[in-house]
């Protein structure tokens, strides 16, 4: 069809212009620096409002409270990990020579920590105790 209007999708910072037309304008990623600057300016303005002609302290309480809340939020954002920093324990954090147990094999053969489970604990893992009774080494009473 001649002259058809077909919009070609563009992807900016992981957001398609078909989903959000303003993605090309940069509205989807404000950034840490802009947030920090605007936040600290807001804190300064809230603290500056304390110097005025108000006689009561209700305004002062609210201004200090809002300034403190914004400052705490900005500090949390400032010190959170960026990018590739990860705070979880992964296989990459193990000592040299560490070998992970084959948990599937241990569960299938009821050995290792699975040999010590009670019947109710096995049922919690969807294992019928009667089907694995020949694999388990039950302590003699």
C-alpha atoms as a PDB file:
ATOM      1  CA  UNK A   1       0.000   0.000   0.000  1.00  0.00           C
ATOM      2  CA  UNK A   2       1.576   3.245  -1.075  1.00  0.00           C
ATOM      3  CA  UNK A   3       1.895   5.866   1.596  1.00  0.00           C
ATOM      4  CA  UNK A   4       0.998   3.568   4.500  1.00  0.00           C
ATOM      5  CA  UNK A   5       1.938   4.870   7.877  1.00  0.00           C
ATOM      6  CA  UNK A   6       3.954   2.162   9.601  1.00  0.00           C
ATOM      7  CA  UNK A   7       5.801   3.064  12.793  1.00  0.00           C
ATOM      8  CA  UNK A   8       9.206   1.429  13.044  1.00  0.00           C
ATOM      9  CA  UNK A   9       9.935   0.458  16.645  1.00  0.00           C
ATOM     10  CA  UNK A  10      12.999   1.889  18.359  1.00  0.00           C
ATOM     11  CA  UNK A  11      14.447   0.722  21.663  1.00  0.00           C
ATOM     12  CA  UNK A  12      15.961   3.279  24.050  1.00  0.00           C
ATOM     13  CA  UNK A  13      17.409   2.076  27.380  1.00  0.00           C
ATOM     14  CA  UNK A  14      15.444  -1.157  27.105  1.00  0.00           C
ATOM     15  CA  UNK A  15      12.072   0.547  26.478  1.00  0.00           C
ATOM     16  CA  UNK A  16      10.393   0.285  23.085  1.00  0.00           C
ATOM     17  CA  UNK A  17       8.802   3.351  21.508  1.00  0.00           C
ATOM     18  CA  UNK A  18       5.806   1.153  20.640  1.00  0.00           C
ATOM     19  CA  UNK A  19       5.162   0.668  24.364  1.00  0.00           C
ATOM     20  CA  UNK A  20       6.074   4.195  25.467  1.00  0.00           C
ATOM     21  CA  UNK A  21       6.401   6.864  22.765  1.00  0.00           C
ATOM     22  CA  UNK A  22       8.337   9.147  25.122  1.00  0.00           C
ATOM     23  CA  UNK A  23      11.154   6.600  25.545  1.00  0.00           C
ATOM     24  CA  UNK A  24      13.160   8.357  22.820  1.00  0.00           C
ATOM     25  CA  UNK A  25      13.020  11.628  24.743  1.00  0.00           C
ATOM     26  CA  UNK A  26      14.753  10.175  27.809  1.00  0.00           C
ATOM     27  CA  UNK A  27      11.872  10.398  30.253  1.00  0.00           C
ATOM     28  CA  UNK A  28      12.306   6.801  31.412  1.00  0.00           C
ATOM     29  CA  UNK A  29      15.700   7.145  33.028  1.00  0.00           C
ATOM     30  CA  UNK A  30      16.160  10.217  35.190  1.00  0.00           C
ATOM     31  CA  UNK A  31      19.380   8.947  36.749  1.00  0.00           C
ATOM     32  CA  UNK A  32      20.913   9.051  40.189  1.00  0.00           C
ATOM     33  CA  UNK A  33      22.697  12.384  39.833  1.00  0.00           C
ATOM     34  CA  UNK A  34      19.584  14.309  38.853  1.00  0.00           C
ATOM     35  CA  UNK A  35      17.604  12.716  41.677  1.00  0.00           C
ATOM     36  CA  UNK A  36      20.324  13.473  44.231  1.00  0.00           C
ATOM     37  CA  UNK A  37      20.692  17.103  43.142  1.00  0.00           C
ATOM     38  CA  UNK A  38      16.940  17.766  43.080  1.00  0.00           C
ATOM     39  CA  UNK A  39      16.453  15.969  46.398  1.00  0.00           C
ATOM     40  CA  UNK A  40      19.140  17.867  48.288  1.00  0.00           C
ATOM     41  CA  UNK A  41      17.886  21.184  46.866  1.00  0.00           C
ATOM     42  CA  UNK A  42      14.412  20.227  48.135  1.00  0.00           C
ATOM     43  CA  UNK A  43      15.834  19.471  51.584  1.00  0.00           C
ATOM     44  CA  UNK A  44      17.570  22.867  51.654  1.00  0.00           C
ATOM     45  CA  UNK A  45      14.370  24.647  50.614  1.00  0.00           C
ATOM     46  CA  UNK A  46      12.356  22.857  53.312  1.00  0.00           C
ATOM     47  CA  UNK A  47      14.893  23.838  55.933  1.00  0.00           C
ATOM     48  CA  UNK A  48      14.996  27.417  54.628  1.00  0.00           C
ATOM     49  CA  UNK A  49      11.222  27.714  55.054  1.00  0.00           C
ATOM     50  CA  UNK A  50      11.779  27.645  58.826  1.00  0.00           C
ATOM     51  CA  UNK A  51      13.030  31.243  58.648  1.00  0.00           C
ATOM     52  CA  UNK A  52       9.888  33.211  58.181  1.00  0.00           C
ATOM     53  CA  UNK A  53       7.007  34.905  59.879  1.00  0.00           C
ATOM     54  CA  UNK A  54       5.258  31.842  61.319  1.00  0.00           C
ATOM     55  CA  UNK A  55       4.761  31.888  65.073  1.00  0.00           C
ATOM     56  CA  UNK A  56       3.677  28.313  65.775  1.00  0.00           C
ATOM     57  CA  UNK A  57       5.858  25.242  65.710  1.00  0.00           C
ATOM     58  CA  UNK A  58       3.500  22.950  63.808  1.00  0.00           C
ATOM     59  CA  UNK A  59       5.005  24.128  60.524  1.00  0.00           C
ATOM     60  CA  UNK A  60       8.502  23.612  61.888  1.00  0.00           C
ATOM     61  CA  UNK A  61       7.721  20.019  62.883  1.00  0.00           C
ATOM     62  CA  UNK A  62       6.312  19.215  59.454  1.00  0.00           C
ATOM     63  CA  UNK A  63       9.167  20.913  57.598  1.00  0.00           C
ATOM     64  CA  UNK A  64      11.846  19.096  59.610  1.00  0.00           C
ATOM     65  CA  UNK A  65      10.007  15.772  59.288  1.00  0.00           C
ATOM     66  CA  UNK A  66       9.667  16.017  55.505  1.00  0.00           C
ATOM     67  CA  UNK A  67      13.263  17.201  55.128  1.00  0.00           C
ATOM     68  CA  UNK A  68      14.493  14.278  57.246  1.00  0.00           C
ATOM     69  CA  UNK A  69      12.421  11.737  55.283  1.00  0.00           C
ATOM     70  CA  UNK A  70      13.739  13.025  51.968  1.00  0.00           C
ATOM     71  CA  UNK A  71      17.313  13.053  53.294  1.00  0.00           C
ATOM     72  CA  UNK A  72      17.033   9.453  54.526  1.00  0.00           C
ATOM     73  CA  UNK A  73      15.663   8.361  51.144  1.00  0.00           C
ATOM     74  CA  UNK A  74      18.486  10.143  49.339  1.00  0.00           C
ATOM     75  CA  UNK A  75      21.103   8.532  51.581  1.00  0.00           C
ATOM     76  CA  UNK A  76      19.615   5.077  50.991  1.00  0.00           C
ATOM     77  CA  UNK A  77      19.720   5.668  47.239  1.00  0.00           C
ATOM     78  CA  UNK A  78      23.246   7.052  47.445  1.00  0.00           C
ATOM     79  CA  UNK A  79      24.701   4.030  49.260  1.00  0.00           C
ATOM     80  CA  UNK A  80      22.839   1.217  47.505  1.00  0.00           C
ATOM     81  CA  UNK A  81      24.969  -0.998  45.240  1.00  0.00           C
ATOM     82  CA  UNK A  82      25.323   0.091  41.645  1.00  0.00           C
ATOM     83  CA  UNK A  83      25.364  -2.130  38.593  1.00  0.00           C
ATOM     84  CA  UNK A  84      27.383  -5.302  39.030  1.00  0.00           C
ATOM     85  CA  UNK A  85      27.703  -5.219  42.818  1.00  0.00           C
ATOM     86  CA  UNK A  86      25.782  -8.122  44.305  1.00  0.00           C
ATOM     87  CA  UNK A  87      25.152  -8.738  47.982  1.00  0.00           C
ATOM     88  CA  UNK A  88      23.983 -12.323  47.725  1.00  0.00           C
ATOM     89  CA  UNK A  89      25.975 -15.471  48.323  1.00  0.00           C
ATOM     90  CA  UNK A  90      26.480 -17.290  45.042  1.00  0.00           C
ATOM     91  CA  UNK A  91      28.565 -20.191  43.816  1.00  0.00           C
ATOM     92  CA  UNK A  92      31.185 -17.651  42.767  1.00  0.00           C
ATOM     93  CA  UNK A  93      31.792 -16.765  46.421  1.00  0.00           C
ATOM     94  CA  UNK A  94      32.844 -20.295  47.434  1.00  0.00           C
ATOM     95  CA  UNK A  95      36.437 -21.110  48.454  1.00  0.00           C
ATOM     96  CA  UNK A  96      38.835 -22.590  45.924  1.00  0.00           C
ATOM     97  CA  UNK A  97      38.284 -26.318  45.468  1.00  0.00           C
ATOM     98  CA  UNK A  98      34.704 -26.269  46.810  1.00  0.00           C
ATOM     99  CA  UNK A  99      32.491 -28.911  45.221  1.00  0.00           C
ATOM    100  CA  UNK A 100      28.732 -28.522  45.465  1.00  0.00           C
ATOM    101  CA  UNK A 101      26.829 -31.607  46.568  1.00  0.00           C
ATOM    102  CA  UNK A 102      24.643 -33.348  44.006  1.00  0.00           C
ATOM    103  CA  UNK A 103      21.373 -32.641  45.813  1.00  0.00           C
ATOM    104  CA  UNK A 104      19.252 -34.429  43.203  1.00  0.00           C
ATOM    105  CA  UNK A 105      21.211 -37.652  43.656  1.00  0.00           C
ATOM    106  CA  UNK A 106      21.150 -37.378  47.449  1.00  0.00           C
ATOM    107  CA  UNK A 107      17.383 -36.890  47.436  1.00  0.00           C
ATOM    108  CA  UNK A 108      16.766 -39.719  44.964  1.00  0.00           C
ATOM    109  CA  UNK A 109      18.875 -42.188  46.959  1.00  0.00           C
ATOM    110  CA  UNK A 110      17.857 -40.902  50.411  1.00  0.00           C
ATOM    111  CA  UNK A 111      21.464 -40.469  51.446  1.00  0.00           C
ATOM    112  CA  UNK A 112      23.298 -37.621  53.128  1.00  0.00           C
ATOM    113  CA  UNK A 113      20.969 -35.219  54.927  1.00  0.00           C
ATOM    114  CA  UNK A 114      17.907 -36.931  53.383  1.00  0.00           C
ATOM    115  CA  UNK A 115      18.675 -40.181  55.254  1.00  0.00           C
ATOM    116  CA  UNK A 116      17.962 -38.461  58.563  1.00  0.00           C
ATOM    117  CA  UNK A 117      14.518 -37.122  57.653  1.00  0.00           C
ATOM    118  CA  UNK A 118      11.401 -38.347  59.424  1.00  0.00           C
ATOM    119  CA  UNK A 119       8.358 -39.638  57.557  1.00  0.00           C
ATOM    120  CA  UNK A 120       6.527 -36.333  57.905  1.00  0.00           C
ATOM    121  CA  UNK A 121       9.540 -34.428  56.584  1.00  0.00           C
ATOM    122  CA  UNK A 122       9.757 -36.763  53.587  1.00  0.00           C
ATOM    123  CA  UNK A 123       6.055 -36.237  52.897  1.00  0.00           C
ATOM    124  CA  UNK A 124       6.672 -32.467  53.021  1.00  0.00           C
ATOM    125  CA  UNK A 125       9.123 -33.010  50.137  1.00  0.00           C
ATOM    126  CA  UNK A 126       6.442 -35.061  48.279  1.00  0.00           C
ATOM    127  CA  UNK A 127       8.322 -38.297  48.899  1.00  0.00           C
ATOM    128  CA  UNK A 128       6.224 -41.230  50.087  1.00  0.00           C
ATOM    129  CA  UNK A 129       8.212 -42.952  52.871  1.00  0.00           C
ATOM    130  CA  UNK A 130       6.999 -46.446  51.904  1.00  0.00           C
ATOM    131  CA  UNK A 131       8.468 -46.074  48.409  1.00  0.00           C
ATOM    132  CA  UNK A 132      11.942 -45.241  49.741  1.00  0.00           C
ATOM    133  CA  UNK A 133      11.953 -47.481  52.823  1.00  0.00           C
ATOM    134  CA  UNK A 134      14.511 -49.801  51.226  1.00  0.00           C
ATOM    135  CA  UNK A 135      16.866 -46.858  50.681  1.00  0.00           C
ATOM    136  CA  UNK A 136      16.679 -45.425  54.180  1.00  0.00           C
ATOM    137  CA  UNK A 137      18.799 -46.534  57.064  1.00  0.00           C
ATOM    138  CA  UNK A 138      16.428 -46.139  59.989  1.00  0.00           C
ATOM    139  CA  UNK A 139      17.949 -46.200  63.478  1.00  0.00           C
ATOM    140  CA  UNK A 140      17.072 -49.332  65.471  1.00  0.00           C
ATOM    141  CA  UNK A 141      15.130 -48.699  68.682  1.00  0.00           C
END
